[in-house]
Amino acid sequence: MPIYEYYCDDCKRRVNVFFRSISEAENERARCPRCGGEHLQRLVSRVAVLKSEESRLEDLADPGLMAGLEQEDPRALASFMRRMSDEMGEPLDDDMTDVVDRLAAGEIPDDDDLPAPD
């Protein structure tokens, strides 16, 4: 069952439209499930690949993932943190994104700059 993502020009929202088959998606005009509008622009959707926990852990065991960490390179740490976030499927919150962006720029944040633990 294909799911396509659209932007509705009528209600100005991003919506998902479900079709029963690929041929139905190709032959029928999509309608907004929120407002019923027909003025939709198809968007490129993100693709999610499901991995087992074992597969994710194997990917994290890649020695190349930790390259540069032994030299205390802030850019390497930023890369490591982003990869960990991607592999675990857990996005960084806004505070951590700011810290990682600063690391990627070569800065070393002070303890006062780091987010407080929950």
N, C-alpha and C. Protein backbone atom coordinates (compact mmCIF):
# COMPACT_ATOMS: atom_id res chain seq x y z
N MET A 1 0.86 -1.17 0.00
CA MET A 1 0.00 0.00 0.00
C MET A 1 0.91 1.23 0.00
N PRO A 2 1.00 1.93 -1.13
CA PRO A 2 1.87 3.10 -1.20
C PRO A 2 1.31 4.29 -0.43
N ILE A 3 2.21 5.00 0.20
CA ILE A 3 1.88 6.22 0.92
C ILE A 3 2.72 7.32 0.30
N TYR A 4 2.06 8.37 -0.16
CA TYR A 4 2.77 9.48 -0.76
C TYR A 4 2.57 10.74 0.07
N GLU A 5 3.59 11.58 0.07
CA GLU A 5 3.55 12.80 0.83
C GLU A 5 3.32 13.96 -0.15
N TYR A 6 2.41 14.86 0.24
CA TYR A 6 2.08 16.01 -0.59
C TYR A 6 2.04 17.27 0.26
N TYR A 7 2.14 18.41 -0.44
CA TYR A 7 1.86 19.70 0.19
C TYR A 7 0.56 20.19 -0.42
N CYS A 8 -0.42 20.50 0.42
CA CYS A 8 -1.72 20.95 -0.05
C CYS A 8 -1.70 22.48 -0.15
N ASP A 9 -1.89 22.99 -1.36
CA ASP A 9 -1.93 24.44 -1.56
C ASP A 9 -3.21 25.05 -0.99
N ASP A 10 -4.24 24.23 -0.80
CA ASP A 10 -5.51 24.75 -0.29
C ASP A 10 -5.46 25.01 1.22
N CYS A 11 -5.00 24.01 1.99
CA CYS A 11 -4.96 24.19 3.45
C CYS A 11 -3.56 24.47 3.97
N LYS A 12 -2.57 24.51 3.05
CA LYS A 12 -1.18 24.87 3.40
C LYS A 12 -0.57 23.91 4.42
N ARG A 13 -0.80 22.61 4.22
CA ARG A 13 -0.26 21.60 5.14
C ARG A 13 0.41 20.48 4.37
N ARG A 14 1.31 19.82 5.04
CA ARG A 14 1.93 18.60 4.51
C ARG A 14 1.01 17.45 4.90
N VAL A 15 0.66 16.62 3.94
CA VAL A 15 -0.28 15.52 4.20
C VAL A 15 0.24 14.22 3.58
N ASN A 16 -0.23 13.11 4.12
CA ASN A 16 0.04 11.79 3.56
C ASN A 16 -1.22 11.30 2.88
N VAL A 17 -1.06 10.75 1.67
CA VAL A 17 -2.19 10.20 0.94
C VAL A 17 -1.91 8.72 0.72
N PHE A 18 -2.85 7.88 1.13
CA PHE A 18 -2.73 6.43 1.02
C PHE A 18 -3.46 5.96 -0.23
N PHE A 19 -2.85 5.04 -0.96
CA PHE A 19 -3.47 4.43 -2.13
C PHE A 19 -3.47 2.93 -1.91
N ARG A 20 -4.44 2.24 -2.51
CA ARG A 20 -4.53 0.78 -2.35
C ARG A 20 -3.51 0.04 -3.19
N SER A 21 -3.05 0.68 -4.27
CA SER A 21 -2.06 0.04 -5.14
C SER A 21 -1.26 1.12 -5.86
N ILE A 22 -0.16 0.70 -6.46
CA ILE A 22 0.66 1.65 -7.22
C ILE A 22 -0.10 2.13 -8.45
N SER A 23 -0.84 1.23 -9.09
CA SER A 23 -1.60 1.65 -10.28
C SER A 23 -2.67 2.68 -9.90
N GLU A 24 -3.29 2.54 -8.73
CA GLU A 24 -4.27 3.53 -8.28
C GLU A 24 -3.58 4.87 -8.07
N ALA A 25 -2.38 4.85 -7.51
CA ALA A 25 -1.64 6.09 -7.28
C ALA A 25 -1.28 6.76 -8.60
N GLU A 26 -0.98 5.96 -9.63
CA GLU A 26 -0.62 6.53 -10.93
C GLU A 26 -1.82 7.03 -11.71
N ASN A 27 -2.99 6.42 -11.51
CA ASN A 27 -4.16 6.73 -12.34
C ASN A 27 -5.17 7.67 -11.71
N GLU A 28 -5.16 7.81 -10.41
CA GLU A 28 -6.15 8.65 -9.75
C GLU A 28 -5.52 9.93 -9.24
N ARG A 29 -6.32 10.97 -9.19
CA ARG A 29 -5.86 12.26 -8.68
C ARG A 29 -5.92 12.23 -7.16
N ALA A 30 -4.84 12.66 -6.54
CA ALA A 30 -4.79 12.69 -5.08
C ALA A 30 -5.65 13.82 -4.54
N ARG A 31 -6.30 13.56 -3.41
CA ARG A 31 -7.09 14.58 -2.72
C ARG A 31 -6.56 14.71 -1.31
N CYS A 32 -6.59 15.92 -0.80
CA CYS A 32 -6.12 16.18 0.56
C CYS A 32 -7.06 15.52 1.56
N PRO A 33 -6.51 14.69 2.47
CA PRO A 33 -7.37 14.04 3.47
C PRO A 33 -7.89 15.01 4.53
N ARG A 34 -7.31 16.20 4.63
CA ARG A 34 -7.75 17.19 5.62
C ARG A 34 -8.88 18.07 5.10
N CYS A 35 -8.67 18.64 3.90
CA CYS A 35 -9.65 19.61 3.40
C CYS A 35 -10.36 19.15 2.13
N GLY A 36 -9.91 18.03 1.54
CA GLY A 36 -10.53 17.53 0.32
C GLY A 36 -10.03 18.23 -0.94
N GLY A 37 -9.09 19.15 -0.78
CA GLY A 37 -8.56 19.90 -1.92
C GLY A 37 -7.81 19.02 -2.91
N GLU A 38 -7.76 19.49 -4.16
CA GLU A 38 -7.07 18.75 -5.22
C GLU A 38 -5.79 19.44 -5.68
N HIS A 39 -5.43 20.53 -5.05
CA HIS A 39 -4.23 21.27 -5.45
C HIS A 39 -3.06 20.82 -4.59
N LEU A 40 -2.52 19.65 -4.96
CA LEU A 40 -1.45 19.04 -4.18
C LEU A 40 -0.16 19.02 -4.99
N GLN A 41 0.95 19.24 -4.28
CA GLN A 41 2.28 19.11 -4.89
C GLN A 41 2.97 17.93 -4.22
N ARG A 42 3.40 16.99 -5.03
CA ARG A 42 4.04 15.79 -4.48
C ARG A 42 5.42 16.15 -3.94
N LEU A 43 5.73 15.64 -2.77
CA LEU A 43 7.01 15.88 -2.11
C LEU A 43 7.87 14.63 -2.15
N VAL A 44 9.16 14.82 -2.03
CA VAL A 44 10.06 13.68 -1.92
C VAL A 44 10.10 13.29 -0.44
N SER A 45 9.69 12.08 -0.16
CA SER A 45 9.61 11.61 1.22
C SER A 45 10.92 10.99 1.66
N ARG A 46 11.16 11.05 2.96
CA ARG A 46 12.31 10.34 3.54
C ARG A 46 12.02 8.85 3.52
N VAL A 47 13.04 8.09 3.35
CA VAL A 47 12.91 6.65 3.35
C VAL A 47 13.46 6.11 4.67
N ALA A 48 12.70 5.26 5.30
CA ALA A 48 13.15 4.66 6.56
C ALA A 48 13.53 3.21 6.28
N VAL A 49 14.70 2.84 6.74
CA VAL A 49 15.16 1.46 6.61
C VAL A 49 15.21 0.88 8.01
N LEU A 50 14.46 -0.17 8.21
CA LEU A 50 14.44 -0.80 9.52
C LEU A 50 15.62 -1.74 9.66
N LYS A 51 16.35 -1.58 10.76
CA LYS A 51 17.49 -2.44 11.04
C LYS A 51 17.27 -3.11 12.38
N SER A 52 17.83 -4.27 12.50
CA SER A 52 17.78 -4.94 13.80
C SER A 52 18.75 -4.24 14.73
N GLU A 53 18.57 -4.45 16.01
CA GLU A 53 19.49 -3.86 16.98
C GLU A 53 20.90 -4.41 16.77
N GLU A 54 21.00 -5.68 16.42
CA GLU A 54 22.30 -6.29 16.16
C GLU A 54 23.00 -5.61 14.98
N SER A 55 22.24 -5.32 13.93
CA SER A 55 22.80 -4.66 12.76
C SER A 55 23.27 -3.24 13.10
N ARG A 56 22.47 -2.52 13.90
CA ARG A 56 22.87 -1.17 14.30
C ARG A 56 24.15 -1.20 15.13
N LEU A 57 24.25 -2.16 16.05
CA LEU A 57 25.44 -2.27 16.89
C LEU A 57 26.67 -2.63 16.06
N GLU A 58 26.49 -3.48 15.04
CA GLU A 58 27.60 -3.82 14.15
C GLU A 58 28.08 -2.57 13.40
N ASP A 59 27.14 -1.74 12.94
CA ASP A 59 27.51 -0.51 12.25
C ASP A 59 28.27 0.43 13.18
N LEU A 60 27.88 0.47 14.44
CA LEU A 60 28.55 1.34 15.40
C LEU A 60 29.93 0.83 15.79
N ALA A 61 30.19 -0.46 15.56
CA ALA A 61 31.49 -1.04 15.89
C ALA A 61 32.54 -0.73 14.83
N ASP A 62 32.18 -0.05 13.77
CA ASP A 62 33.10 0.32 12.70
C ASP A 62 34.22 1.20 13.28
N PRO A 63 35.50 0.76 13.19
CA PRO A 63 36.59 1.56 13.74
C PRO A 63 36.70 2.94 13.10
N GLY A 64 36.26 3.08 11.86
CA GLY A 64 36.32 4.37 11.18
C GLY A 64 35.39 5.40 11.83
N LEU A 65 34.39 4.92 12.55
CA LEU A 65 33.44 5.82 13.21
C LEU A 65 34.14 6.66 14.27
N MET A 66 35.17 6.11 14.89
CA MET A 66 35.84 6.81 15.98
C MET A 66 37.13 7.50 15.54
N ALA A 67 37.38 7.54 14.24
CA ALA A 67 38.59 8.20 13.74
C ALA A 67 38.61 9.66 14.18
N GLY A 68 39.73 10.08 14.70
CA GLY A 68 39.90 11.46 15.12
C GLY A 68 39.58 11.70 16.58
N LEU A 69 38.86 10.78 17.22
CA LEU A 69 38.50 10.98 18.63
C LEU A 69 39.73 10.92 19.53
N GLU A 70 40.70 10.08 19.15
CA GLU A 70 41.90 9.97 19.99
C GLU A 70 42.73 11.25 19.99
N GLN A 71 42.57 12.10 18.95
CA GLN A 71 43.28 13.38 18.92
C GLN A 71 42.44 14.50 19.54
N GLU A 72 41.31 14.14 20.12
CA GLU A 72 40.40 15.11 20.74
C GLU A 72 39.99 16.20 19.76
N ASP A 73 39.70 15.79 18.51
CA ASP A 73 39.26 16.70 17.47
C ASP A 73 37.76 16.96 17.64
N PRO A 74 37.34 18.21 17.88
CA PRO A 74 35.91 18.49 18.08
C PRO A 74 35.07 18.14 16.86
N ARG A 75 35.65 18.27 15.67
CA ARG A 75 34.92 17.93 14.44
C ARG A 75 34.62 16.44 14.39
N ALA A 76 35.59 15.63 14.82
CA ALA A 76 35.39 14.17 14.84
C ALA A 76 34.32 13.81 15.86
N LEU A 77 34.31 14.50 16.99
CA LEU A 77 33.28 14.24 18.00
C LEU A 77 31.89 14.60 17.46
N ALA A 78 31.80 15.71 16.75
CA ALA A 78 30.51 16.10 16.15
C ALA A 78 30.04 15.05 15.16
N SER A 79 30.94 14.58 14.33
CA SER A 79 30.60 13.54 13.36
C SER A 79 30.14 12.27 14.06
N PHE A 80 30.86 11.87 15.12
CA PHE A 80 30.52 10.69 15.89
C PHE A 80 29.12 10.83 16.50
N MET A 81 28.83 11.99 17.08
CA MET A 81 27.53 12.20 17.74
C MET A 81 26.39 12.16 16.72
N ARG A 82 26.59 12.76 15.56
CA ARG A 82 25.55 12.72 14.52
C ARG A 82 25.33 11.29 14.02
N ARG A 83 26.40 10.56 13.83
CA ARG A 83 26.27 9.18 13.35
C ARG A 83 25.57 8.32 14.38
N MET A 84 25.91 8.49 15.66
CA MET A 84 25.23 7.74 16.73
C MET A 84 23.74 8.06 16.72
N SER A 85 23.40 9.32 16.59
CA SER A 85 22.00 9.74 16.56
C SER A 85 21.27 9.06 15.39
N ASP A 86 21.91 9.09 14.21
CA ASP A 86 21.30 8.47 13.02
C ASP A 86 21.14 6.96 13.19
N GLU A 87 22.19 6.31 13.67
CA GLU A 87 22.16 4.85 13.81
C GLU A 87 21.12 4.39 14.83
N MET A 88 20.97 5.16 15.91
CA MET A 88 20.03 4.77 16.95
C MET A 88 18.61 5.26 16.66
N GLY A 89 18.44 6.10 15.64
CA GLY A 89 17.11 6.59 15.29
C GLY A 89 16.57 7.59 16.31
N GLU A 90 17.46 8.23 17.04
CA GLU A 90 17.07 9.20 18.07
C GLU A 90 17.62 10.56 17.67
N PRO A 91 16.76 11.48 17.23
CA PRO A 91 17.27 12.80 16.84
C PRO A 91 17.80 13.57 18.05
N LEU A 92 18.78 14.42 17.77
CA LEU A 92 19.32 15.28 18.82
C LEU A 92 18.31 16.38 19.12
N ASP A 93 18.18 16.76 20.39
CA ASP A 93 17.28 17.86 20.71
C ASP A 93 17.97 19.17 20.31
N ASP A 94 17.26 20.29 20.43
CA ASP A 94 17.79 21.58 19.97
C ASP A 94 19.08 21.97 20.68
N ASP A 95 19.15 21.76 21.99
CA ASP A 95 20.35 22.12 22.74
C ASP A 95 21.56 21.31 22.27
N MET A 96 21.37 20.00 22.10
CA MET A 96 22.48 19.16 21.66
C MET A 96 22.86 19.47 20.21
N THR A 97 21.88 19.82 19.38
CA THR A 97 22.18 20.21 18.00
C THR A 97 23.08 21.43 17.99
N ASP A 98 22.80 22.40 18.87
CA ASP A 98 23.65 23.60 18.97
C ASP A 98 25.07 23.22 19.37
N VAL A 99 25.20 22.34 20.36
CA VAL A 99 26.53 21.90 20.81
C VAL A 99 27.26 21.19 19.68
N VAL A 100 26.58 20.28 18.98
CA VAL A 100 27.20 19.53 17.90
C VAL A 100 27.61 20.47 16.75
N ASP A 101 26.78 21.46 16.45
CA ASP A 101 27.13 22.44 15.42
C ASP A 101 28.39 23.21 15.80
N ARG A 102 28.52 23.56 17.08
CA ARG A 102 29.72 24.27 17.54
C ARG A 102 30.95 23.36 17.46
N LEU A 103 30.78 22.09 17.81
CA LEU A 103 31.89 21.15 17.68
C LEU A 103 32.31 21.01 16.22
N ALA A 104 31.32 20.92 15.32
CA ALA A 104 31.61 20.78 13.89
C ALA A 104 32.35 22.00 13.35
N ALA A 105 32.15 23.16 13.98
CA ALA A 105 32.85 24.38 13.58
C ALA A 105 34.24 24.45 14.20
N GLY A 106 34.61 23.46 15.01
CA GLY A 106 35.93 23.42 15.61
C GLY A 106 36.01 24.01 17.00
N GLU A 107 34.87 24.43 17.55
CA GLU A 107 34.86 25.01 18.89
C GLU A 107 34.82 23.90 19.94
N ILE A 108 35.34 24.21 21.10
CA ILE A 108 35.24 23.29 22.24
C ILE A 108 34.39 24.00 23.29
N PRO A 109 33.13 23.57 23.46
CA PRO A 109 32.23 24.26 24.40
C PRO A 109 32.71 24.11 25.85
N ASP A 110 32.45 25.12 26.65
CA ASP A 110 32.70 25.06 28.08
C ASP A 110 31.60 24.26 28.75
N ASP A 111 31.84 23.83 29.99
CA ASP A 111 30.82 23.08 30.73
C ASP A 111 29.53 23.90 30.86
N ASP A 112 29.65 25.23 30.97
CA ASP A 112 28.47 26.07 31.10
C ASP A 112 27.61 26.06 29.83
N ASP A 113 28.21 25.71 28.67
CA ASP A 113 27.49 25.70 27.39
C ASP A 113 26.70 24.42 27.18
N LEU A 114 27.02 23.38 27.95
CA LEU A 114 26.40 22.08 27.73
C LEU A 114 25.01 22.03 28.36
N PRO A 115 24.06 21.31 27.72
CA PRO A 115 22.73 21.19 28.30
C PRO A 115 22.76 20.48 29.64
N ALA A 116 21.90 20.90 30.54
CA ALA A 116 21.79 20.27 31.86
C ALA A 116 21.17 18.89 31.70
N PRO A 117 21.63 17.90 32.48
CA PRO A 117 21.02 16.56 32.41
C PRO A 117 19.58 16.62 32.90
N ASP A 118 18.76 15.72 32.36
CA ASP A 118 17.33 15.69 32.75
C ASP A 118 17.14 15.23 34.16
